[in-house]
Amino acid sequence: MSDTNDIQGHIDRTRAELAATLNEIEDKLNVPKQLGIAGHRAKASYERDKWPWLAGAGVVALTVGGILVAAVRSR
């Protein structure tokens, strides 16, 4: 009888581990949830130190401006 209880206990633990793993996978594949997490991280990063974000925005603006100037000149 002890063997049966041991086996049942092992099965129950394995089921619980599987359920936890499936929940973790579901969280990772939940795109809206992951986007929300990424947004909160980005906001927190900006609030901690905005200068890297502003520098990145400046680089993007210069790049877009350069592309536009090149496009206008090539016409």
PDB file of N, CA and C in Angstrom:
ATOM      1  N   MET A   1       0.817  -1.189   0.000  1.00  0.00           N
ATOM      2  CA  MET A   1       0.000   0.000   0.000  1.00  0.00           C
ATOM      3  C   MET A   1       0.866   1.259   0.000  1.00  0.00           C
ATOM      4  N   SER A   2       2.008   1.195   0.652  1.00  0.00           N
ATOM      5  CA  SER A   2       2.918   2.328   0.706  1.00  0.00           C
ATOM      6  C   SER A   2       3.421   2.692  -0.691  1.00  0.00           C
ATOM      7  N   ASP A   3       3.689   1.660  -1.512  1.00  0.00           N
ATOM      8  CA  ASP A   3       4.152   1.914  -2.874  1.00  0.00           C
ATOM      9  C   ASP A   3       3.097   2.676  -3.670  1.00  0.00           C
ATOM     10  N   THR A   4       1.853   2.312  -3.494  1.00  0.00           N
ATOM     11  CA  THR A   4       0.769   2.991  -4.208  1.00  0.00           C
ATOM     12  C   THR A   4       0.683   4.454  -3.787  1.00  0.00           C
ATOM     13  N   ASN A   5       0.827   4.710  -2.493  1.00  0.00           N
ATOM     14  CA  ASN A   5       0.797   6.089  -1.998  1.00  0.00           C
ATOM     15  C   ASN A   5       1.993   6.885  -2.516  1.00  0.00           C
ATOM     16  N   ASP A   6       3.165   6.243  -2.552  1.00  0.00           N
ATOM     17  CA  ASP A   6       4.360   6.903  -3.078  1.00  0.00           C
ATOM     18  C   ASP A   6       4.179   7.254  -4.553  1.00  0.00           C
ATOM     19  N   ILE A   7       3.652   6.316  -5.304  1.00  0.00           N
ATOM     20  CA  ILE A   7       3.429   6.549  -6.733  1.00  0.00           C
ATOM     21  C   ILE A   7       2.414   7.668  -6.936  1.00  0.00           C
ATOM     22  N   GLN A   8       1.327   7.631  -6.176  1.00  0.00           N
ATOM     23  CA  GLN A   8       0.305   8.676  -6.306  1.00  0.00           C
ATOM     24  C   GLN A   8       0.877  10.040  -5.933  1.00  0.00           C
ATOM     25  N   GLY A   9       1.697  10.080  -4.898  1.00  0.00           N
ATOM     26  CA  GLY A   9       2.340  11.335  -4.502  1.00  0.00           C
ATOM     27  C   GLY A   9       3.250  11.860  -5.602  1.00  0.00           C
ATOM     28  N   HIS A  10       4.005  10.944  -6.221  1.00  0.00           N
ATOM     29  CA  HIS A  10       4.890  11.330  -7.322  1.00  0.00           C
ATOM     30  C   HIS A  10       4.074  11.869  -8.503  1.00  0.00           C
ATOM     31  N   ILE A  11       2.977  11.208  -8.806  1.00  0.00           N
ATOM     32  CA  ILE A  11       2.103  11.650  -9.901  1.00  0.00           C
ATOM     33  C   ILE A  11       1.547  13.041  -9.598  1.00  0.00           C
ATOM     34  N   ASP A  12       1.115  13.261  -8.374  1.00  0.00           N
ATOM     35  CA  ASP A  12       0.559  14.564  -7.995  1.00  0.00           C
ATOM     36  C   ASP A  12       1.610  15.670  -8.111  1.00  0.00           C
ATOM     37  N   ARG A  13       2.839  15.384  -7.648  1.00  0.00           N
ATOM     38  CA  ARG A  13       3.914  16.378  -7.752  1.00  0.00           C
ATOM     39  C   ARG A  13       4.253  16.664  -9.211  1.00  0.00           C
ATOM     40  N   THR A  14       4.295  15.614 -10.022  1.00  0.00           N
ATOM     41  CA  THR A  14       4.598  15.787 -11.440  1.00  0.00           C
ATOM     42  C   THR A  14       3.522  16.614 -12.129  1.00  0.00           C
ATOM     43  N   ARG A  15       2.270  16.364 -11.791  1.00  0.00           N
ATOM     44  CA  ARG A  15       1.169  17.154 -12.370  1.00  0.00           C
ATOM     45  C   ARG A  15       1.288  18.622 -11.970  1.00  0.00           C
ATOM     46  N   ALA A  16       1.621  18.860 -10.723  1.00  0.00           N
ATOM     47  CA  ALA A  16       1.761  20.243 -10.251  1.00  0.00           C
ATOM     48  C   ALA A  16       2.915  20.943 -10.976  1.00  0.00           C
ATOM     49  N   GLU A  17       4.029  20.238 -11.160  1.00  0.00           N
ATOM     50  CA  GLU A  17       5.164  20.807 -11.884  1.00  0.00           C
ATOM     51  C   GLU A  17       4.793  21.091 -13.337  1.00  0.00           C
ATOM     52  N   LEU A  18       4.074  20.173 -13.960  1.00  0.00           N
ATOM     53  CA  LEU A  18       3.644  20.360 -15.342  1.00  0.00           C
ATOM     54  C   LEU A  18       2.708  21.559 -15.455  1.00  0.00           C
ATOM     55  N   ALA A  19       1.792  21.688 -14.519  1.00  0.00           N
ATOM     56  CA  ALA A  19       0.865  22.824 -14.536  1.00  0.00           C
ATOM     57  C   ALA A  19       1.629  24.141 -14.396  1.00  0.00           C
ATOM     58  N   ALA A  20       2.614  24.167 -13.506  1.00  0.00           N
ATOM     59  CA  ALA A  20       3.413  25.383 -13.325  1.00  0.00           C
ATOM     60  C   ALA A  20       4.194  25.707 -14.596  1.00  0.00           C
ATOM     61  N   THR A  21       4.763  24.693 -15.222  1.00  0.00           N
ATOM     62  CA  THR A  21       5.514  24.901 -16.461  1.00  0.00           C
ATOM     63  C   THR A  21       4.610  25.420 -17.570  1.00  0.00           C
ATOM     64  N   LEU A  22       3.425  24.839 -17.696  1.00  0.00           N
ATOM     65  CA  LEU A  22       2.486  25.297 -18.723  1.00  0.00           C
ATOM     66  C   LEU A  22       2.040  26.733 -18.464  1.00  0.00           C
ATOM     67  N   ASN A  23       1.861  27.098 -17.205  1.00  0.00           N
ATOM     68  CA  ASN A  23       1.498  28.481 -16.872  1.00  0.00           C
ATOM     69  C   ASN A  23       2.618  29.451 -17.254  1.00  0.00           C
ATOM     70  N   GLU A  24       3.870  29.048 -17.016  1.00  0.00           N
ATOM     71  CA  GLU A  24       5.005  29.892 -17.393  1.00  0.00           C
ATOM     72  C   GLU A  24       5.079  30.058 -18.907  1.00  0.00           C
ATOM     73  N   ILE A  25       4.867  28.966 -19.635  1.00  0.00           N
ATOM     74  CA  ILE A  25       4.880  29.036 -21.100  1.00  0.00           C
ATOM     75  C   ILE A  25       3.761  29.943 -21.593  1.00  0.00           C
ATOM     76  N   GLU A  26       2.589  29.808 -20.998  1.00  0.00           N
ATOM     77  CA  GLU A  26       1.455  30.649 -21.390  1.00  0.00           C
ATOM     78  C   GLU A  26       1.772  32.125 -21.163  1.00  0.00           C
ATOM     79  N   ASP A  27       2.423  32.449 -20.041  1.00  0.00           N
ATOM     80  CA  ASP A  27       2.799  33.833 -19.769  1.00  0.00           C
ATOM     81  C   ASP A  27       3.795  34.348 -20.804  1.00  0.00           C
ATOM     82  N   LYS A  28       4.764  33.513 -21.173  1.00  0.00           N
ATOM     83  CA  LYS A  28       5.774  33.927 -22.151  1.00  0.00           C
ATOM     84  C   LYS A  28       5.170  34.152 -23.526  1.00  0.00           C
ATOM     85  N   LEU A  29       4.149  33.400 -23.880  1.00  0.00           N
ATOM     86  CA  LEU A  29       3.542  33.500 -25.204  1.00  0.00           C
ATOM     87  C   LEU A  29       2.388  34.501 -25.259  1.00  0.00           C
ATOM     88  N   ASN A  30       2.060  35.105 -24.136  1.00  0.00           N
ATOM     89  CA  ASN A  30       0.980  36.086 -24.074  1.00  0.00           C
ATOM     90  C   ASN A  30       1.544  37.444 -24.517  1.00  0.00           C
ATOM     91  N   VAL A  31       1.393  37.746 -25.808  1.00  0.00           N
ATOM     92  CA  VAL A  31       2.009  38.939 -26.388  1.00  0.00           C
ATOM     93  C   VAL A  31       1.525  40.229 -25.721  1.00  0.00           C
ATOM     94  N   PRO A  32       0.230  40.438 -25.531  1.00  0.00           N
ATOM     95  CA  PRO A  32      -0.185  41.684 -24.870  1.00  0.00           C
ATOM     96  C   PRO A  32       0.430  41.848 -23.473  1.00  0.00           C
ATOM     97  N   LYS A  33       0.510  40.772 -22.739  1.00  0.00           N
ATOM     98  CA  LYS A  33       1.102  40.846 -21.400  1.00  0.00           C
ATOM     99  C   LYS A  33       2.589  41.193 -21.493  1.00  0.00           C
ATOM    100  N   GLN A  34       3.302  40.552 -22.430  1.00  0.00           N
ATOM    101  CA  GLN A  34       4.726  40.817 -22.594  1.00  0.00           C
ATOM    102  C   GLN A  34       4.971  42.257 -23.055  1.00  0.00           C
ATOM    103  N   LEU A  35       4.104  42.779 -23.931  1.00  0.00           N
ATOM    104  CA  LEU A  35       4.236  44.172 -24.363  1.00  0.00           C
ATOM    105  C   LEU A  35       4.012  45.126 -23.191  1.00  0.00           C
ATOM    106  N   GLY A  36       3.064  44.789 -22.332  1.00  0.00           N
ATOM    107  CA  GLY A  36       2.830  45.610 -21.146  1.00  0.00           C
ATOM    108  C   GLY A  36       4.036  45.623 -20.224  1.00  0.00           C
ATOM    109  N   ILE A  37       4.639  44.463 -20.034  1.00  0.00           N
ATOM    110  CA  ILE A  37       5.836  44.365 -19.191  1.00  0.00           C
ATOM    111  C   ILE A  37       6.971  45.179 -19.798  1.00  0.00           C
ATOM    112  N   ALA A  38       7.172  45.039 -21.115  1.00  0.00           N
ATOM    113  CA  ALA A  38       8.235  45.786 -21.793  1.00  0.00           C
ATOM    114  C   ALA A  38       7.983  47.287 -21.696  1.00  0.00           C
ATOM    115  N   GLY A  39       6.730  47.690 -21.824  1.00  0.00           N
ATOM    116  CA  GLY A  39       6.395  49.107 -21.703  1.00  0.00           C
ATOM    117  C   GLY A  39       6.696  49.656 -20.320  1.00  0.00           C
ATOM    118  N   HIS A  40       6.365  48.882 -19.300  1.00  0.00           N
ATOM    119  CA  HIS A  40       6.657  49.318 -17.927  1.00  0.00           C
ATOM    120  C   HIS A  40       8.163  49.412 -17.698  1.00  0.00           C
ATOM    121  N   ARG A  41       8.915  48.456 -18.241  1.00  0.00           N
ATOM    122  CA  ARG A  41      10.378  48.503 -18.093  1.00  0.00           C
ATOM    123  C   ARG A  41      10.956  49.724 -18.806  1.00  0.00           C
ATOM    124  N   ALA A  42      10.464  49.994 -20.012  1.00  0.00           N
ATOM    125  CA  ALA A  42      10.960  51.147 -20.765  1.00  0.00           C
ATOM    126  C   ALA A  42      10.638  52.445 -20.028  1.00  0.00           C
ATOM    127  N   LYS A  43       9.427  52.544 -19.506  1.00  0.00           N
ATOM    128  CA  LYS A  43       9.028  53.749 -18.774  1.00  0.00           C
ATOM    129  C   LYS A  43       9.898  53.931 -17.532  1.00  0.00           C
ATOM    130  N   ALA A  44      10.137  52.848 -16.812  1.00  0.00           N
ATOM    131  CA  ALA A  44      10.977  52.925 -15.614  1.00  0.00           C
ATOM    132  C   ALA A  44      12.402  53.324 -15.986  1.00  0.00           C
ATOM    133  N   SER A  45      12.902  52.783 -17.092  1.00  0.00           N
ATOM    134  CA  SER A  45      14.244  53.127 -17.554  1.00  0.00           C
ATOM    135  C   SER A  45      14.322  54.606 -17.912  1.00  0.00           C
ATOM    136  N   TYR A  46      13.319  55.113 -18.610  1.00  0.00           N
ATOM    137  CA  TYR A  46      13.283  56.531 -18.978  1.00  0.00           C
ATOM    138  C   TYR A  46      13.210  57.412 -17.732  1.00  0.00           C
ATOM    139  N   GLU A  47      12.406  57.003 -16.764  1.00  0.00           N
ATOM    140  CA  GLU A  47      12.268  57.800 -15.542  1.00  0.00           C
ATOM    141  C   GLU A  47      13.555  57.807 -14.724  1.00  0.00           C
ATOM    142  N   ARG A  48      14.320  56.708 -14.779  1.00  0.00           N
ATOM    143  CA  ARG A  48      15.594  56.652 -14.060  1.00  0.00           C
ATOM    144  C   ARG A  48      16.624  57.579 -14.698  1.00  0.00           C
ATOM    145  N   ASP A  49      16.744  57.505 -16.035  1.00  0.00           N
ATOM    146  CA  ASP A  49      17.745  58.305 -16.743  1.00  0.00           C
ATOM    147  C   ASP A  49      17.258  58.531 -18.163  1.00  0.00           C
ATOM    148  N   LYS A  50      16.805  59.747 -18.432  1.00  0.00           N
ATOM    149  CA  LYS A  50      16.207  60.008 -19.739  1.00  0.00           C
ATOM    150  C   LYS A  50      17.228  60.317 -20.828  1.00  0.00           C
ATOM    151  N   TRP A  51      18.477  60.618 -20.480  1.00  0.00           N
ATOM    152  CA  TRP A  51      19.446  61.039 -21.489  1.00  0.00           C
ATOM    153  C   TRP A  51      19.747  59.974 -22.540  1.00  0.00           C
ATOM    154  N   PRO A  52      19.902  58.715 -22.200  1.00  0.00           N
ATOM    155  CA  PRO A  52      20.107  57.717 -23.271  1.00  0.00           C
ATOM    156  C   PRO A  52      18.918  57.647 -24.228  1.00  0.00           C
ATOM    157  N   TRP A  53      17.723  57.817 -23.699  1.00  0.00           N
ATOM    158  CA  TRP A  53      16.528  57.797 -24.549  1.00  0.00           C
ATOM    159  C   TRP A  53      16.507  59.009 -25.470  1.00  0.00           C
ATOM    160  N   LEU A  54      16.862  60.165 -24.938  1.00  0.00           N
ATOM    161  CA  LEU A  54      16.892  61.371 -25.761  1.00  0.00           C
ATOM    162  C   LEU A  54      17.987  61.283 -26.816  1.00  0.00           C
ATOM    163  N   ALA A  55      19.130  60.721 -26.456  1.00  0.00           N
ATOM    164  CA  ALA A  55      20.206  60.538 -27.434  1.00  0.00           C
ATOM    165  C   ALA A  55      19.758  59.593 -28.543  1.00  0.00           C
ATOM    166  N   GLY A  56      19.092  58.521 -28.179  1.00  0.00           N
ATOM    167  CA  GLY A  56      18.577  57.583 -29.182  1.00  0.00           C
ATOM    168  C   GLY A  56      17.570  58.242 -30.097  1.00  0.00           C
ATOM    169  N   ALA A  57      16.698  59.065 -29.532  1.00  0.00           N
ATOM    170  CA  ALA A  57      15.710  59.782 -30.350  1.00  0.00           C
ATOM    171  C   ALA A  57      16.411  60.752 -31.290  1.00  0.00           C
ATOM    172  N   GLY A  58      17.479  61.382 -30.822  1.00  0.00           N
ATOM    173  CA  GLY A  58      18.250  62.286 -31.676  1.00  0.00           C
ATOM    174  C   GLY A  58      18.899  61.554 -32.834  1.00  0.00           C
ATOM    175  N   VAL A  59      19.453  60.382 -32.560  1.00  0.00           N
ATOM    176  CA  VAL A  59      20.067  59.575 -33.619  1.00  0.00           C
ATOM    177  C   VAL A  59      19.022  59.177 -34.650  1.00  0.00           C
ATOM    178  N   VAL A  60      17.857  58.763 -34.187  1.00  0.00           N
ATOM    179  CA  VAL A  60      16.778  58.391 -35.117  1.00  0.00           C
ATOM    180  C   VAL A  60      16.370  59.601 -35.954  1.00  0.00           C
ATOM    181  N   ALA A  61      16.230  60.760 -35.327  1.00  0.00           N
ATOM    182  CA  ALA A  61      15.835  61.968 -36.055  1.00  0.00           C
ATOM    183  C   ALA A  61      16.877  62.335 -37.105  1.00  0.00           C
ATOM    184  N   LEU A  62      18.157  62.268 -36.748  1.00  0.00           N
ATOM    185  CA  LEU A  62      19.216  62.572 -37.714  1.00  0.00           C
ATOM    186  C   LEU A  62      19.232  61.570 -38.863  1.00  0.00           C
ATOM    187  N   THR A  63      19.011  60.309 -38.551  1.00  0.00           N
ATOM    188  CA  THR A  63      18.992  59.279 -39.593  1.00  0.00           C
ATOM    189  C   THR A  63      17.833  59.507 -40.556  1.00  0.00           C
ATOM    190  N   VAL A  64      16.659  59.738 -40.018  1.00  0.00           N
ATOM    191  CA  VAL A  64      15.490  59.990 -40.875  1.00  0.00           C
ATOM    192  C   VAL A  64      15.707  61.261 -41.691  1.00  0.00           C
ATOM    193  N   GLY A  65      16.238  62.287 -41.054  1.00  0.00           N
ATOM    194  CA  GLY A  65      16.528  63.530 -41.777  1.00  0.00           C
ATOM    195  C   GLY A  65      17.525  63.310 -42.900  1.00  0.00           C
ATOM    196  N   GLY A  66      18.569  62.538 -42.637  1.00  0.00           N
ATOM    197  CA  GLY A  66      19.560  62.233 -43.669  1.00  0.00           C
ATOM    198  C   GLY A  66      18.960  61.467 -44.830  1.00  0.00           C
ATOM    199  N   ILE A  67      18.098  60.526 -44.531  1.00  0.00           N
ATOM    200  CA  ILE A  67      17.433  59.754 -45.590  1.00  0.00           C
ATOM    201  C   ILE A  67      16.543  60.669 -46.424  1.00  0.00           C
ATOM    202  N   LEU A  68      15.813  61.565 -45.769  1.00  0.00           N
ATOM    203  CA  LEU A  68      14.947  62.496 -46.500  1.00  0.00           C
ATOM    204  C   LEU A  68      15.758  63.442 -47.379  1.00  0.00           C
ATOM    205  N   VAL A  69      16.862  63.958 -46.862  1.00  0.00           N
ATOM    206  CA  VAL A  69      17.718  64.843 -47.658  1.00  0.00           C
ATOM    207  C   VAL A  69      18.266  64.093 -48.863  1.00  0.00           C
ATOM    208  N   ALA A  70      18.731  62.874 -48.662  1.00  0.00           N
ATOM    209  CA  ALA A  70      19.256  62.076 -49.773  1.00  0.00           C
ATOM    210  C   ALA A  70      18.172  61.792 -50.804  1.00  0.00           C
ATOM    211  N   ALA A  71      16.960  61.538 -50.351  1.00  0.00           N
ATOM    212  CA  ALA A  71      15.862  61.259 -51.280  1.00  0.00           C
ATOM    213  C   ALA A  71      15.504  62.499 -52.093  1.00  0.00           C
ATOM    214  N   VAL A  72      15.505  63.663 -51.454  1.00  0.00           N
ATOM    215  CA  VAL A  72      15.172  64.907 -52.155  1.00  0.00           C
ATOM    216  C   VAL A  72      16.265  65.253 -53.165  1.00  0.00           C
ATOM    217  N   ARG A  73      17.518  65.071 -52.797  1.00  0.00           N
ATOM    218  CA  ARG A  73      18.633  65.381 -53.697  1.00  0.00           C
ATOM    219  C   ARG A  73      18.678  64.453 -54.904  1.00  0.00           C
ATOM    220  N   SER A  74      18.219  63.232 -54.740  1.00  0.00           N
ATOM    221  CA  SER A  74      18.297  62.263 -55.842  1.00  0.00           C
ATOM    222  C   SER A  74      17.210  62.479 -56.889  1.00  0.00           C
ATOM    223  N   ARG A  75      16.278  63.361 -56.643  1.00  0.00           N
ATOM    224  CA  ARG A  75      15.189  63.611 -57.608  1.00  0.00           C
ATOM    225  C   ARG A  75      15.613  64.547 -58.655  1.00  0.00           C
TER     226      ARG A  75
END
